[in-house]
């Protein structure tokens, strides 16, 4: 539990949450690029589109997308733990503590939807 009684502690935790959100988004985007690059290479090489799930880049890309989803969920959970440990004086009055974690969980859900789209 913090003993500073300063709202800057909460804002520092929120900045950390947003940094993890950017990391999760970057992992998901990178995974999508890796997954699609394998498809592009096969199209350029053979001129025929085969099933993308059989290539290594597909599974590596899926791994990055899943890692991004897990990162978004983990960071939302971690932020909620920190926010619960703060005193009411450290959280500005009327400020939404749940907005940041909600965005991270939305990113995770959309990342999982992308994973399902690519799998099916």
PDB file of N, CA and C in Angstrom:
ATOM      1  N   UNK A   1       0.836  -1.178   0.000  1.00  0.00           N
ATOM      2  CA  UNK A   1       0.000   0.000   0.000  1.00  0.00           C
ATOM      3  C   UNK A   1       0.880   1.239   0.000  1.00  0.00           C
ATOM      4  N   UNK A   2       0.496   2.204  -0.786  1.00  0.00           N
ATOM      5  CA  UNK A   2       1.265   3.431  -0.903  1.00  0.00           C
ATOM      6  C   UNK A   2       1.048   4.326   0.310  1.00  0.00           C
ATOM      7  N   UNK A   3       2.077   5.024   0.713  1.00  0.00           N
ATOM      8  CA  UNK A   3       1.988   5.969   1.834  1.00  0.00           C
ATOM      9  C   UNK A   3       2.204   7.402   1.372  1.00  0.00           C
ATOM     10  N   UNK A   4       2.184   7.644   0.074  1.00  0.00           N
ATOM     11  CA  UNK A   4       2.490   8.975  -0.430  1.00  0.00           C
ATOM     12  C   UNK A   4       1.300   9.921  -0.386  1.00  0.00           C
ATOM     13  N   UNK A   5       0.080   9.388  -0.418  1.00  0.00           N
ATOM     14  CA  UNK A   5      -1.140  10.204  -0.434  1.00  0.00           C
ATOM     15  C   UNK A   5      -1.108  11.241  -1.550  1.00  0.00           C
ATOM     16  N   UNK A   6      -0.650  10.814  -2.709  1.00  0.00           N
ATOM     17  CA  UNK A   6      -0.475  11.709  -3.852  1.00  0.00           C
ATOM     18  C   UNK A   6      -1.132  11.075  -5.084  1.00  0.00           C
ATOM     19  N   UNK A   7      -1.988  11.824  -5.804  1.00  0.00           N
ATOM     20  CA  UNK A   7      -2.633  11.272  -7.000  1.00  0.00           C
ATOM     21  C   UNK A   7      -1.647  10.890  -8.099  1.00  0.00           C
ATOM     22  N   UNK A   8      -0.428  11.405  -8.049  1.00  0.00           N
ATOM     23  CA  UNK A   8       0.553  11.063  -9.079  1.00  0.00           C
ATOM     24  C   UNK A   8       0.894   9.579  -9.071  1.00  0.00           C
ATOM     25  N   UNK A   9       0.714   8.915  -7.936  1.00  0.00           N
ATOM     26  CA  UNK A   9       0.951   7.474  -7.858  1.00  0.00           C
ATOM     27  C   UNK A   9      -0.047   6.750  -8.772  1.00  0.00           C
ATOM     28  N   UNK A  10      -1.305   7.154  -8.704  1.00  0.00           N
ATOM     29  CA  UNK A  10      -2.330   6.560  -9.555  1.00  0.00           C
ATOM     30  C   UNK A  10      -2.055   6.846 -11.030  1.00  0.00           C
ATOM     31  N   UNK A  11      -1.692   8.076 -11.335  1.00  0.00           N
ATOM     32  CA  UNK A  11      -1.431   8.429 -12.734  1.00  0.00           C
ATOM     33  C   UNK A  11      -0.201   7.705 -13.277  1.00  0.00           C
ATOM     34  N   UNK A  12       0.783   7.447 -12.426  1.00  0.00           N
ATOM     35  CA  UNK A  12       1.947   6.662 -12.865  1.00  0.00           C
ATOM     36  C   UNK A  12       1.528   5.236 -13.185  1.00  0.00           C
ATOM     37  N   UNK A  13       0.651   4.667 -12.367  1.00  0.00           N
ATOM     38  CA  UNK A  13       0.154   3.314 -12.641  1.00  0.00           C
ATOM     39  C   UNK A  13      -0.645   3.303 -13.940  1.00  0.00           C
ATOM     40  N   UNK A  14      -1.414   4.351 -14.183  1.00  0.00           N
ATOM     41  CA  UNK A  14      -2.199   4.408 -15.416  1.00  0.00           C
ATOM     42  C   UNK A  14      -1.298   4.566 -16.647  1.00  0.00           C
ATOM     43  N   UNK A  15      -0.240   5.341 -16.531  1.00  0.00           N
ATOM     44  CA  UNK A  15       0.709   5.462 -17.647  1.00  0.00           C
ATOM     45  C   UNK A  15       1.358   4.120 -17.954  1.00  0.00           C
ATOM     46  N   UNK A  16       1.669   3.371 -16.903  1.00  0.00           N
ATOM     47  CA  UNK A  16       2.239   2.036 -17.103  1.00  0.00           C
ATOM     48  C   UNK A  16       1.238   1.124 -17.802  1.00  0.00           C
ATOM     49  N   UNK A  17      -0.028   1.209 -17.403  1.00  0.00           N
ATOM     50  CA  UNK A  17      -1.069   0.421 -18.059  1.00  0.00           C
ATOM     51  C   UNK A  17      -1.162   0.768 -19.543  1.00  0.00           C
ATOM     52  N   UNK A  18      -1.111   2.041 -19.858  1.00  0.00           N
ATOM     53  CA  UNK A  18      -1.198   2.456 -21.259  1.00  0.00           C
ATOM     54  C   UNK A  18       0.039   2.032 -22.053  1.00  0.00           C
ATOM     55  N   UNK A  19       1.185   1.996 -21.414  1.00  0.00           N
ATOM     56  CA  UNK A  19       2.391   1.497 -22.092  1.00  0.00           C
ATOM     57  C   UNK A  19       2.239   0.007 -22.403  1.00  0.00           C
ATOM     58  N   UNK A  20       1.676  -0.748 -21.477  1.00  0.00           N
ATOM     59  CA  UNK A  20       1.423  -2.165 -21.738  1.00  0.00           C
ATOM     60  C   UNK A  20       0.370  -2.343 -22.824  1.00  0.00           C
ATOM     61  N   UNK A  21      -0.585  -1.419 -22.882  1.00  0.00           N
ATOM     62  CA  UNK A  21      -1.594  -1.472 -23.938  1.00  0.00           C
ATOM     63  C   UNK A  21      -0.935  -1.297 -25.304  1.00  0.00           C
ATOM     64  N   UNK A  22      -0.025  -0.347 -25.413  1.00  0.00           N
ATOM     65  CA  UNK A  22       0.702  -0.154 -26.677  1.00  0.00           C
ATOM     66  C   UNK A  22       1.528  -1.392 -27.025  1.00  0.00           C
ATOM     67  N   UNK A  23       2.122  -2.003 -26.017  1.00  0.00           N
ATOM     68  CA  UNK A  23       2.891  -3.221 -26.259  1.00  0.00           C
ATOM     69  C   UNK A  23       1.995  -4.338 -26.773  1.00  0.00           C
ATOM     70  N   UNK A  24       0.825  -4.503 -26.169  1.00  0.00           N
ATOM     71  CA  UNK A  24      -0.112  -5.542 -26.606  1.00  0.00           C
ATOM     72  C   UNK A  24      -0.565  -5.288 -28.042  1.00  0.00           C
ATOM     73  N   UNK A  25      -0.884  -4.045 -28.362  1.00  0.00           N
ATOM     74  CA  UNK A  25      -1.292  -3.713 -29.727  1.00  0.00           C
ATOM     75  C   UNK A  25      -0.167  -3.985 -30.721  1.00  0.00           C
ATOM     76  N   UNK A  26       1.061  -3.658 -30.347  1.00  0.00           N
ATOM     77  CA  UNK A  26       2.200  -3.900 -31.236  1.00  0.00           C
ATOM     78  C   UNK A  26       2.413  -5.398 -31.452  1.00  0.00           C
ATOM     79  N   UNK A  27       2.273  -6.200 -30.400  1.00  0.00           N
ATOM     80  CA  UNK A  27       2.420  -7.645 -30.550  1.00  0.00           C
ATOM     81  C   UNK A  27       1.344  -8.223 -31.466  1.00  0.00           C
ATOM     82  N   UNK A  28       0.112  -7.752 -31.311  1.00  0.00           N
ATOM     83  CA  UNK A  28      -0.977  -8.236 -32.161  1.00  0.00           C
ATOM     84  C   UNK A  28      -0.733  -7.836 -33.610  1.00  0.00           C
ATOM     85  N   UNK A  29      -0.348  -6.591 -33.824  1.00  0.00           N
ATOM     86  CA  UNK A  29      -0.085  -6.127 -35.193  1.00  0.00           C
ATOM     87  C   UNK A  29       1.090  -6.884 -35.810  1.00  0.00           C
ATOM     88  N   UNK A  30       2.147  -7.099 -35.042  1.00  0.00           N
ATOM     89  CA  UNK A  30       3.295  -7.829 -35.552  1.00  0.00           C
ATOM     90  C   UNK A  30       2.916  -9.266 -35.889  1.00  0.00           C
ATOM     91  N   UNK A  31       2.113  -9.888 -35.034  1.00  0.00           N
ATOM     92  CA  UNK A  31       1.651 -11.237 -35.309  1.00  0.00           C
ATOM     93  C   UNK A  31       0.850 -11.320 -36.587  1.00  0.00           C
ATOM     94  N   UNK A  32       0.000 -10.325 -36.827  1.00  0.00           N
ATOM     95  CA  UNK A  32      -0.782 -10.304 -38.052  1.00  0.00           C
ATOM     96  C   UNK A  32       0.126 -10.159 -39.272  1.00  0.00           C
ATOM     97  N   UNK A  33       1.125  -9.295 -39.174  1.00  0.00           N
ATOM     98  CA  UNK A  33       2.059  -9.102 -40.290  1.00  0.00           C
ATOM     99  C   UNK A  33       2.846 -10.382 -40.566  1.00  0.00           C
ATOM    100  N   UNK A  34       3.309 -11.042 -39.517  1.00  0.00           N
ATOM    101  CA  UNK A  34       4.052 -12.289 -39.699  1.00  0.00           C
ATOM    102  C   UNK A  34       3.152 -13.344 -40.345  1.00  0.00           C
ATOM    103  N   UNK A  35       1.930 -13.442 -39.867  1.00  0.00           N
ATOM    104  CA  UNK A  35       1.004 -14.433 -40.405  1.00  0.00           C
ATOM    105  C   UNK A  35       0.720 -14.178 -41.880  1.00  0.00           C
ATOM    106  N   UNK A  36       0.484 -12.932 -42.242  1.00  0.00           N
ATOM    107  CA  UNK A  36       0.169 -12.592 -43.625  1.00  0.00           C
ATOM    108  C   UNK A  36       1.403 -12.626 -44.524  1.00  0.00           C
ATOM    109  N   UNK A  37       2.584 -12.410 -43.983  1.00  0.00           N
ATOM    110  CA  UNK A  37       3.791 -12.438 -44.821  1.00  0.00           C
ATOM    111  C   UNK A  37       4.054 -13.840 -45.346  1.00  0.00           C
ATOM    112  N   UNK A  38       3.761 -14.850 -44.548  1.00  0.00           N
ATOM    113  CA  UNK A  38       3.917 -16.219 -45.023  1.00  0.00           C
ATOM    114  C   UNK A  38       2.983 -16.513 -46.185  1.00  0.00           C
ATOM    115  N   UNK A  39       1.772 -16.013 -46.105  1.00  0.00           N
ATOM    116  CA  UNK A  39       0.819 -16.185 -47.198  1.00  0.00           C
ATOM    117  C   UNK A  39       1.317 -15.475 -48.454  1.00  0.00           C
ATOM    118  N   UNK A  40       1.827 -14.271 -48.295  1.00  0.00           N
ATOM    119  CA  UNK A  40       2.348 -13.509 -49.436  1.00  0.00           C
ATOM    120  C   UNK A  40       3.529 -14.229 -50.081  1.00  0.00           C
ATOM    121  N   UNK A  41       4.437 -14.742 -49.281  1.00  0.00           N
ATOM    122  CA  UNK A  41       5.596 -15.459 -49.832  1.00  0.00           C
ATOM    123  C   UNK A  41       5.176 -16.702 -50.605  1.00  0.00           C
ATOM    124  N   UNK A  42       4.194 -17.430 -50.092  1.00  0.00           N
ATOM    125  CA  UNK A  42       3.709 -18.607 -50.819  1.00  0.00           C
ATOM    126  C   UNK A  42       3.028 -18.209 -52.121  1.00  0.00           C
ATOM    127  N   UNK A  43       2.296 -17.114 -52.120  1.00  0.00           N
ATOM    128  CA  UNK A  43       1.648 -16.660 -53.352  1.00  0.00           C
ATOM    129  C   UNK A  43       2.676 -16.238 -54.397  1.00  0.00           C
ATOM    130  N   UNK A  44       3.717 -15.563 -53.956  1.00  0.00           N
ATOM    131  CA  UNK A  44       4.754 -15.128 -54.897  1.00  0.00           C
ATOM    132  C   UNK A  44       5.566 -16.309 -55.425  1.00  0.00           C
ATOM    133  N   UNK A  45       5.788 -17.291 -54.595  1.00  0.00           N
ATOM    134  CA  UNK A  45       6.604 -18.435 -54.997  1.00  0.00           C
ATOM    135  C   UNK A  45       5.839 -19.384 -55.912  1.00  0.00           C
ATOM    136  N   UNK A  46       4.641 -19.753 -55.521  1.00  0.00           N
ATOM    137  CA  UNK A  46       3.888 -20.750 -56.271  1.00  0.00           C
ATOM    138  C   UNK A  46       2.832 -20.149 -57.196  1.00  0.00           C
ATOM    139  N   UNK A  47       2.369 -18.981 -56.851  1.00  0.00           N
ATOM    140  CA  UNK A  47       1.266 -18.401 -57.605  1.00  0.00           C
ATOM    141  C   UNK A  47      -0.057 -19.050 -57.260  1.00  0.00           C
ATOM    142  N   UNK A  48      -0.049 -19.927 -56.247  1.00  0.00           N
ATOM    143  CA  UNK A  48      -1.259 -20.617 -55.837  1.00  0.00           C
ATOM    144  C   UNK A  48      -1.418 -20.432 -54.337  1.00  0.00           C
ATOM    145  N   UNK A  49      -2.642 -20.156 -53.941  1.00  0.00           N
ATOM    146  CA  UNK A  49      -2.898 -19.978 -52.510  1.00  0.00           C
ATOM    147  C   UNK A  49      -3.293 -21.321 -51.917  1.00  0.00           C
ATOM    148  N   UNK A  50      -2.461 -21.824 -50.992  1.00  0.00           N
ATOM    149  CA  UNK A  50      -2.829 -23.051 -50.302  1.00  0.00           C
ATOM    150  C   UNK A  50      -3.302 -22.695 -48.902  1.00  0.00           C
ATOM    151  N   UNK A  51      -3.621 -23.659 -48.121  1.00  0.00           N
ATOM    152  CA  UNK A  51      -4.161 -23.439 -46.797  1.00  0.00           C
ATOM    153  C   UNK A  51      -3.114 -22.764 -45.906  1.00  0.00           C
ATOM    154  N   UNK A  52      -3.411 -21.553 -45.390  1.00  0.00           N
ATOM    155  CA  UNK A  52      -2.401 -20.833 -44.621  1.00  0.00           C
ATOM    156  C   UNK A  52      -2.064 -21.485 -43.284  1.00  0.00           C
ATOM    157  N   UNK A  53      -2.915 -22.333 -42.760  1.00  0.00           N
ATOM    158  CA  UNK A  53      -2.666 -22.914 -41.446  1.00  0.00           C
ATOM    159  C   UNK A  53      -1.527 -23.928 -41.456  1.00  0.00           C
ATOM    160  N   UNK A  54      -1.026 -24.318 -42.635  1.00  0.00           N
ATOM    161  CA  UNK A  54       0.015 -25.312 -42.692  1.00  0.00           C
ATOM    162  C   UNK A  54       1.419 -24.749 -42.670  1.00  0.00           C
ATOM    163  N   UNK A  55       1.575 -23.474 -42.614  1.00  0.00           N
ATOM    164  CA  UNK A  55       2.891 -22.856 -42.713  1.00  0.00           C
ATOM    165  C   UNK A  55       3.370 -22.388 -41.344  1.00  0.00           C
ATOM    166  N   UNK A  56       4.683 -22.389 -41.151  1.00  0.00           N
ATOM    167  CA  UNK A  56       5.276 -21.998 -39.868  1.00  0.00           C
ATOM    168  C   UNK A  56       4.939 -20.545 -39.524  1.00  0.00           C
ATOM    169  N   UNK A  57       4.967 -19.659 -40.519  1.00  0.00           N
ATOM    170  CA  UNK A  57       4.686 -18.250 -40.235  1.00  0.00           C
ATOM    171  C   UNK A  57       3.272 -18.056 -39.699  1.00  0.00           C
ATOM    172  N   UNK A  58       2.363 -18.922 -40.101  1.00  0.00           N
ATOM    173  CA  UNK A  58       0.992 -18.841 -39.589  1.00  0.00           C
ATOM    174  C   UNK A  58       0.982 -19.048 -38.079  1.00  0.00           C
ATOM    175  N   UNK A  59       1.658 -20.094 -37.621  1.00  0.00           N
ATOM    176  CA  UNK A  59       1.638 -20.411 -36.198  1.00  0.00           C
ATOM    177  C   UNK A  59       2.481 -19.435 -35.377  1.00  0.00           C
ATOM    178  N   UNK A  60       3.566 -18.954 -35.950  1.00  0.00           N
ATOM    179  CA  UNK A  60       4.360 -17.936 -35.243  1.00  0.00           C
ATOM    180  C   UNK A  60       3.537 -16.650 -35.106  1.00  0.00           C
ATOM    181  N   UNK A  61       2.865 -16.260 -36.180  1.00  0.00           N
ATOM    182  CA  UNK A  61       1.998 -15.081 -36.132  1.00  0.00           C
ATOM    183  C   UNK A  61       0.882 -15.240 -35.117  1.00  0.00           C
ATOM    184  N   UNK A  62       0.271 -16.427 -35.095  1.00  0.00           N
ATOM    185  CA  UNK A  62      -0.781 -16.689 -34.107  1.00  0.00           C
ATOM    186  C   UNK A  62      -0.234 -16.599 -32.680  1.00  0.00           C
ATOM    187  N   UNK A  63       0.990 -17.067 -32.504  1.00  0.00           N
ATOM    188  CA  UNK A  63       1.612 -16.974 -31.182  1.00  0.00           C
ATOM    189  C   UNK A  63       1.786 -15.529 -30.736  1.00  0.00           C
ATOM    190  N   UNK A  64       2.233 -14.670 -31.658  1.00  0.00           N
ATOM    191  CA  UNK A  64       2.383 -13.254 -31.314  1.00  0.00           C
ATOM    192  C   UNK A  64       1.036 -12.608 -31.019  1.00  0.00           C
ATOM    193  N   UNK A  65       0.015 -12.949 -31.794  1.00  0.00           N
ATOM    194  CA  UNK A  65      -1.315 -12.382 -31.543  1.00  0.00           C
ATOM    195  C   UNK A  65      -1.824 -12.828 -30.177  1.00  0.00           C
ATOM    196  N   UNK A  66      -1.674 -14.110 -29.874  1.00  0.00           N
ATOM    197  CA  UNK A  66      -2.116 -14.607 -28.575  1.00  0.00           C
ATOM    198  C   UNK A  66      -1.308 -13.972 -27.444  1.00  0.00           C
ATOM    199  N   UNK A  67      -0.005 -13.786 -27.636  1.00  0.00           N
ATOM    200  CA  UNK A  67       0.823 -13.128 -26.627  1.00  0.00           C
ATOM    201  C   UNK A  67       0.346 -11.701 -26.385  1.00  0.00           C
ATOM    202  N   UNK A  68      -0.035 -10.991 -27.453  1.00  0.00           N
ATOM    203  CA  UNK A  68      -0.577  -9.641 -27.301  1.00  0.00           C
ATOM    204  C   UNK A  68      -1.876  -9.636 -26.515  1.00  0.00           C
ATOM    205  N   UNK A  69      -2.752 -10.615 -26.776  1.00  0.00           N
ATOM    206  CA  UNK A  69      -4.011 -10.717 -26.027  1.00  0.00           C
ATOM    207  C   UNK A  69      -3.746 -11.005 -24.552  1.00  0.00           C
ATOM    208  N   UNK A  70      -2.826 -11.908 -24.288  1.00  0.00           N
ATOM    209  CA  UNK A  70      -2.484 -12.237 -22.902  1.00  0.00           C
ATOM    210  C   UNK A  70      -1.858 -11.040 -22.186  1.00  0.00           C
ATOM    211  N   UNK A  71      -1.044 -10.282 -22.903  1.00  0.00           N
ATOM    212  CA  UNK A  71      -0.424  -9.091 -22.321  1.00  0.00           C
ATOM    213  C   UNK A  71      -1.479  -8.059 -21.946  1.00  0.00           C
ATOM    214  N   UNK A  72      -2.472  -7.873 -22.802  1.00  0.00           N
ATOM    215  CA  UNK A  72      -3.540  -6.911 -22.516  1.00  0.00           C
ATOM    216  C   UNK A  72      -4.338  -7.337 -21.285  1.00  0.00           C
ATOM    217  N   UNK A  73      -4.648  -8.616 -21.183  1.00  0.00           N
ATOM    218  CA  UNK A  73      -5.399  -9.108 -20.018  1.00  0.00           C
ATOM    219  C   UNK A  73      -4.573  -8.994 -18.740  1.00  0.00           C
ATOM    220  N   UNK A  74      -3.314  -9.420 -18.828  1.00  0.00           N
ATOM    221  CA  UNK A  74      -2.451  -9.379 -17.649  1.00  0.00           C
ATOM    222  C   UNK A  74      -2.263  -7.950 -17.140  1.00  0.00           C
ATOM    223  N   UNK A  75      -2.052  -7.008 -18.051  1.00  0.00           N
ATOM    224  CA  UNK A  75      -1.821  -5.629 -17.613  1.00  0.00           C
ATOM    225  C   UNK A  75      -3.078  -5.022 -17.003  1.00  0.00           C
ATOM    226  N   UNK A  76      -4.266  -5.379 -17.508  1.00  0.00           N
ATOM    227  CA  UNK A  76      -5.507  -4.890 -16.899  1.00  0.00           C
ATOM    228  C   UNK A  76      -5.650  -5.434 -15.482  1.00  0.00           C
ATOM    229  N   UNK A  77      -5.349  -6.721 -15.311  1.00  0.00           N
ATOM    230  CA  UNK A  77      -5.430  -7.340 -13.985  1.00  0.00           C
ATOM    231  C   UNK A  77      -4.415  -6.704 -13.025  1.00  0.00           C
ATOM    232  N   UNK A  78      -3.209  -6.480 -13.527  1.00  0.00           N
ATOM    233  CA  UNK A  78      -2.157  -5.883 -12.699  1.00  0.00           C
ATOM    234  C   UNK A  78      -2.542  -4.468 -12.268  1.00  0.00           C
ATOM    235  N   UNK A  79      -3.107  -3.690 -13.186  1.00  0.00           N
ATOM    236  CA  UNK A  79      -3.518  -2.325 -12.848  1.00  0.00           C
ATOM    237  C   UNK A  79      -4.617  -2.345 -11.786  1.00  0.00           C
ATOM    238  N   UNK A  80      -5.574  -3.262 -11.919  1.00  0.00           N
ATOM    239  CA  UNK A  80      -6.662  -3.326 -10.931  1.00  0.00           C
ATOM    240  C   UNK A  80      -6.097  -3.662  -9.549  1.00  0.00           C
ATOM    241  N   UNK A  81      -5.089  -4.527  -9.504  1.00  0.00           N
ATOM    242  CA  UNK A  81      -4.461  -4.843  -8.214  1.00  0.00           C
ATOM    243  C   UNK A  81      -3.829  -3.603  -7.601  1.00  0.00           C
ATOM    244  N   UNK A  82      -3.122  -2.826  -8.422  1.00  0.00           N
ATOM    245  CA  UNK A  82      -2.480  -1.604  -7.921  1.00  0.00           C
ATOM    246  C   UNK A  82      -3.530  -0.597  -7.491  1.00  0.00           C
ATOM    247  N   UNK A  83      -4.583  -0.422  -8.303  1.00  0.00           N
ATOM    248  CA  UNK A  83      -5.619   0.566  -7.985  1.00  0.00           C
ATOM    249  C   UNK A  83      -6.336   0.213  -6.681  1.00  0.00           C
ATOM    250  N   UNK A  84      -6.540  -1.083  -6.426  1.00  0.00           N
ATOM    251  CA  UNK A  84      -7.188  -1.486  -5.171  1.00  0.00           C
ATOM    252  C   UNK A  84      -6.303  -1.221  -3.962  1.00  0.00           C
ATOM    253  N   UNK A  85      -4.994  -1.173  -4.170  1.00  0.00           N
ATOM    254  CA  UNK A  85      -4.088  -0.950  -3.038  1.00  0.00           C
ATOM    255  C   UNK A  85      -3.932   0.529  -2.683  1.00  0.00           C
ATOM    256  N   UNK A  86      -4.450   1.409  -3.543  1.00  0.00           N
ATOM    257  CA  UNK A  86      -4.323   2.847  -3.284  1.00  0.00           C
ATOM    258  C   UNK A  86      -5.405   3.338  -2.333  1.00  0.00           C
ATOM    259  N   UNK A  87      -5.081   4.387  -1.607  1.00  0.00           N
ATOM    260  CA  UNK A  87      -6.055   5.027  -0.726  1.00  0.00           C
ATOM    261  C   UNK A  87      -6.964   5.930  -1.555  1.00  0.00           C
ATOM    262  N   UNK A  88      -8.154   6.222  -1.073  1.00  0.00           N
ATOM    263  CA  UNK A  88      -9.064   7.106  -1.822  1.00  0.00           C
ATOM    264  C   UNK A  88      -8.476   8.493  -2.110  1.00  0.00           C
ATOM    265  N   UNK A  89      -7.594   8.985  -1.242  1.00  0.00           N
ATOM    266  CA  UNK A  89      -6.998  10.300  -1.470  1.00  0.00           C
ATOM    267  C   UNK A  89      -6.042  10.279  -2.666  1.00  0.00           C
ATOM    268  N   UNK A  90      -5.558   9.100  -3.037  1.00  0.00           N
ATOM    269  CA  UNK A  90      -4.618   8.986  -4.151  1.00  0.00           C
ATOM    270  C   UNK A  90      -5.311   8.865  -5.506  1.00  0.00           C
ATOM    271  N   UNK A  91      -6.624   8.672  -5.504  1.00  0.00           N
ATOM    272  CA  UNK A  91      -7.385   8.595  -6.744  1.00  0.00           C
ATOM    273  C   UNK A  91      -8.225   9.859  -6.857  1.00  0.00           C
ATOM    274  N   UNK A  92      -8.047  10.638  -7.921  1.00  0.00           N
ATOM    275  CA  UNK A  92      -8.800  11.897  -8.045  1.00  0.00           C
ATOM    276  C   UNK A  92     -10.307  11.638  -8.034  1.00  0.00           C
ATOM    277  N   UNK A  93     -11.018  12.530  -7.393  1.00  0.00           N
ATOM    278  CA  UNK A  93     -12.470  12.403  -7.271  1.00  0.00           C
ATOM    279  C   UNK A  93     -13.131  12.459  -8.641  1.00  0.00           C
ATOM    280  N   UNK A  94     -14.012  11.525  -8.894  1.00  0.00           N
ATOM    281  CA  UNK A  94     -14.743  11.481 -10.149  1.00  0.00           C
ATOM    282  C   UNK A  94     -13.975  10.868 -11.309  1.00  0.00           C
ATOM    283  N   UNK A  95     -12.772  10.394 -11.065  1.00  0.00           N
ATOM    284  CA  UNK A  95     -11.956   9.827 -12.132  1.00  0.00           C
ATOM    285  C   UNK A  95     -12.297   8.352 -12.291  1.00  0.00           C
ATOM    286  N   UNK A  96     -12.445   7.899 -13.520  1.00  0.00           N
ATOM    287  CA  UNK A  96     -12.815   6.513 -13.782  1.00  0.00           C
ATOM    288  C   UNK A  96     -11.588   5.607 -13.691  1.00  0.00           C
ATOM    289  N   UNK A  97     -11.607   4.733 -12.723  1.00  0.00           N
ATOM    290  CA  UNK A  97     -10.511   3.784 -12.535  1.00  0.00           C
ATOM    291  C   UNK A  97     -10.633   2.626 -13.525  1.00  0.00           C
ATOM    292  N   UNK A  98     -11.830   2.397 -14.045  1.00  0.00           N
ATOM    293  CA  UNK A  98     -12.074   1.229 -14.885  1.00  0.00           C
ATOM    294  C   UNK A  98     -11.897   1.480 -16.377  1.00  0.00           C
ATOM    295  N   UNK A  99     -11.682   2.698 -16.805  1.00  0.00           N
ATOM    296  CA  UNK A  99     -11.592   2.994 -18.239  1.00  0.00           C
ATOM    297  C   UNK A  99     -10.369   2.325 -18.873  1.00  0.00           C
ATOM    298  N   UNK A 100      -9.216   2.443 -18.265  1.00  0.00           N
ATOM    299  CA  UNK A 100      -7.994   1.851 -18.819  1.00  0.00           C
ATOM    300  C   UNK A 100      -8.071   0.333 -18.931  1.00  0.00           C
ATOM    301  N   UNK A 101      -8.444  -0.358 -17.842  1.00  0.00           N
ATOM    302  CA  UNK A 101      -8.577  -1.811 -17.961  1.00  0.00           C
ATOM    303  C   UNK A 101      -9.646  -2.229 -18.972  1.00  0.00           C
ATOM    304  N   UNK A 102     -10.706  -1.455 -19.100  1.00  0.00           N
ATOM    305  CA  UNK A 102     -11.753  -1.781 -20.082  1.00  0.00           C
ATOM    306  C   UNK A 102     -11.195  -1.716 -21.502  1.00  0.00           C
ATOM    307  N   UNK A 103     -10.361  -0.708 -21.769  1.00  0.00           N
ATOM    308  CA  UNK A 103      -9.740  -0.606 -23.094  1.00  0.00           C
ATOM    309  C   UNK A 103      -8.823  -1.798 -23.337  1.00  0.00           C
ATOM    310  N   UNK A 104      -8.031  -2.162 -22.341  1.00  0.00           N
ATOM    311  CA  UNK A 104      -7.129  -3.307 -22.504  1.00  0.00           C
ATOM    312  C   UNK A 104      -7.894  -4.604 -22.735  1.00  0.00           C
ATOM    313  N   UNK A 105      -8.973  -4.805 -22.012  1.00  0.00           N
ATOM    314  CA  UNK A 105      -9.759  -6.021 -22.205  1.00  0.00           C
ATOM    315  C   UNK A 105     -10.446  -6.018 -23.568  1.00  0.00           C
ATOM    316  N   UNK A 106     -10.835  -4.843 -24.051  1.00  0.00           N
ATOM    317  CA  UNK A 106     -11.409  -4.740 -25.391  1.00  0.00           C
ATOM    318  C   UNK A 106     -10.371  -5.105 -26.445  1.00  0.00           C
ATOM    319  N   UNK A 107      -9.151  -4.638 -26.266  1.00  0.00           N
ATOM    320  CA  UNK A 107      -8.060  -4.998 -27.187  1.00  0.00           C
ATOM    321  C   UNK A 107      -7.861  -6.512 -27.182  1.00  0.00           C
ATOM    322  N   UNK A 108      -7.902  -7.128 -25.996  1.00  0.00           N
ATOM    323  CA  UNK A 108      -7.730  -8.583 -25.905  1.00  0.00           C
ATOM    324  C   UNK A 108      -8.863  -9.320 -26.613  1.00  0.00           C
ATOM    325  N   UNK A 109     -10.083  -8.866 -26.437  1.00  0.00           N
ATOM    326  CA  UNK A 109     -11.232  -9.517 -27.083  1.00  0.00           C
ATOM    327  C   UNK A 109     -11.140  -9.377 -28.597  1.00  0.00           C
ATOM    328  N   UNK A 110     -10.778  -8.190 -29.072  1.00  0.00           N
ATOM    329  CA  UNK A 110     -10.643  -7.995 -30.514  1.00  0.00           C
ATOM    330  C   UNK A 110      -9.471  -8.810 -31.076  1.00  0.00           C
ATOM    331  N   UNK A 111      -8.412  -8.949 -30.309  1.00  0.00           N
ATOM    332  CA  UNK A 111      -7.297  -9.792 -30.734  1.00  0.00           C
ATOM    333  C   UNK A 111      -7.703 -11.251 -30.836  1.00  0.00           C
ATOM    334  N   UNK A 112      -8.512 -11.706 -29.887  1.00  0.00           N
ATOM    335  CA  UNK A 112      -9.008 -13.080 -29.961  1.00  0.00           C
ATOM    336  C   UNK A 112      -9.959 -13.256 -31.142  1.00  0.00           C
ATOM    337  N   UNK A 113     -10.748 -12.225 -31.448  1.00  0.00           N
ATOM    338  CA  UNK A 113     -11.618 -12.284 -32.625  1.00  0.00           C
ATOM    339  C   UNK A 113     -10.772 -12.374 -33.898  1.00  0.00           C
ATOM    340  N   UNK A 114      -9.675 -11.639 -33.952  1.00  0.00           N
ATOM    341  CA  UNK A 114      -8.761 -11.723 -35.095  1.00  0.00           C
ATOM    342  C   UNK A 114      -8.178 -13.129 -35.210  1.00  0.00           C
ATOM    343  N   UNK A 115      -7.832 -13.713 -34.076  1.00  0.00           N
ATOM    344  CA  UNK A 115      -7.299 -15.071 -34.084  1.00  0.00           C
ATOM    345  C   UNK A 115      -8.329 -16.061 -34.634  1.00  0.00           C
ATOM    346  N   UNK A 116      -9.566 -15.936 -34.184  1.00  0.00           N
ATOM    347  CA  UNK A 116     -10.613 -16.821 -34.703  1.00  0.00           C
ATOM    348  C   UNK A 116     -10.843 -16.615 -36.189  1.00  0.00           C
ATOM    349  N   UNK A 117     -10.807 -15.361 -36.640  1.00  0.00           N
ATOM    350  CA  UNK A 117     -10.978 -15.076 -38.059  1.00  0.00           C
ATOM    351  C   UNK A 117      -9.872 -15.739 -38.886  1.00  0.00           C
ATOM    352  N   UNK A 118      -8.648 -15.644 -38.415  1.00  0.00           N
ATOM    353  CA  UNK A 118      -7.528 -16.219 -39.154  1.00  0.00           C
ATOM    354  C   UNK A 118      -7.540 -17.747 -39.115  1.00  0.00           C
ATOM    355  N   UNK A 119      -8.049 -18.310 -38.028  1.00  0.00           N
ATOM    356  CA  UNK A 119      -8.115 -19.766 -37.930  1.00  0.00           C
ATOM    357  C   UNK A 119      -9.218 -20.355 -38.807  1.00  0.00           C
ATOM    358  N   UNK A 120     -10.297 -19.607 -38.980  1.00  0.00           N
ATOM    359  CA  UNK A 120     -11.442 -20.156 -39.727  1.00  0.00           C
ATOM    360  C   UNK A 120     -11.464 -19.675 -41.127  1.00  0.00           C
TER     361      UNK A 120
END
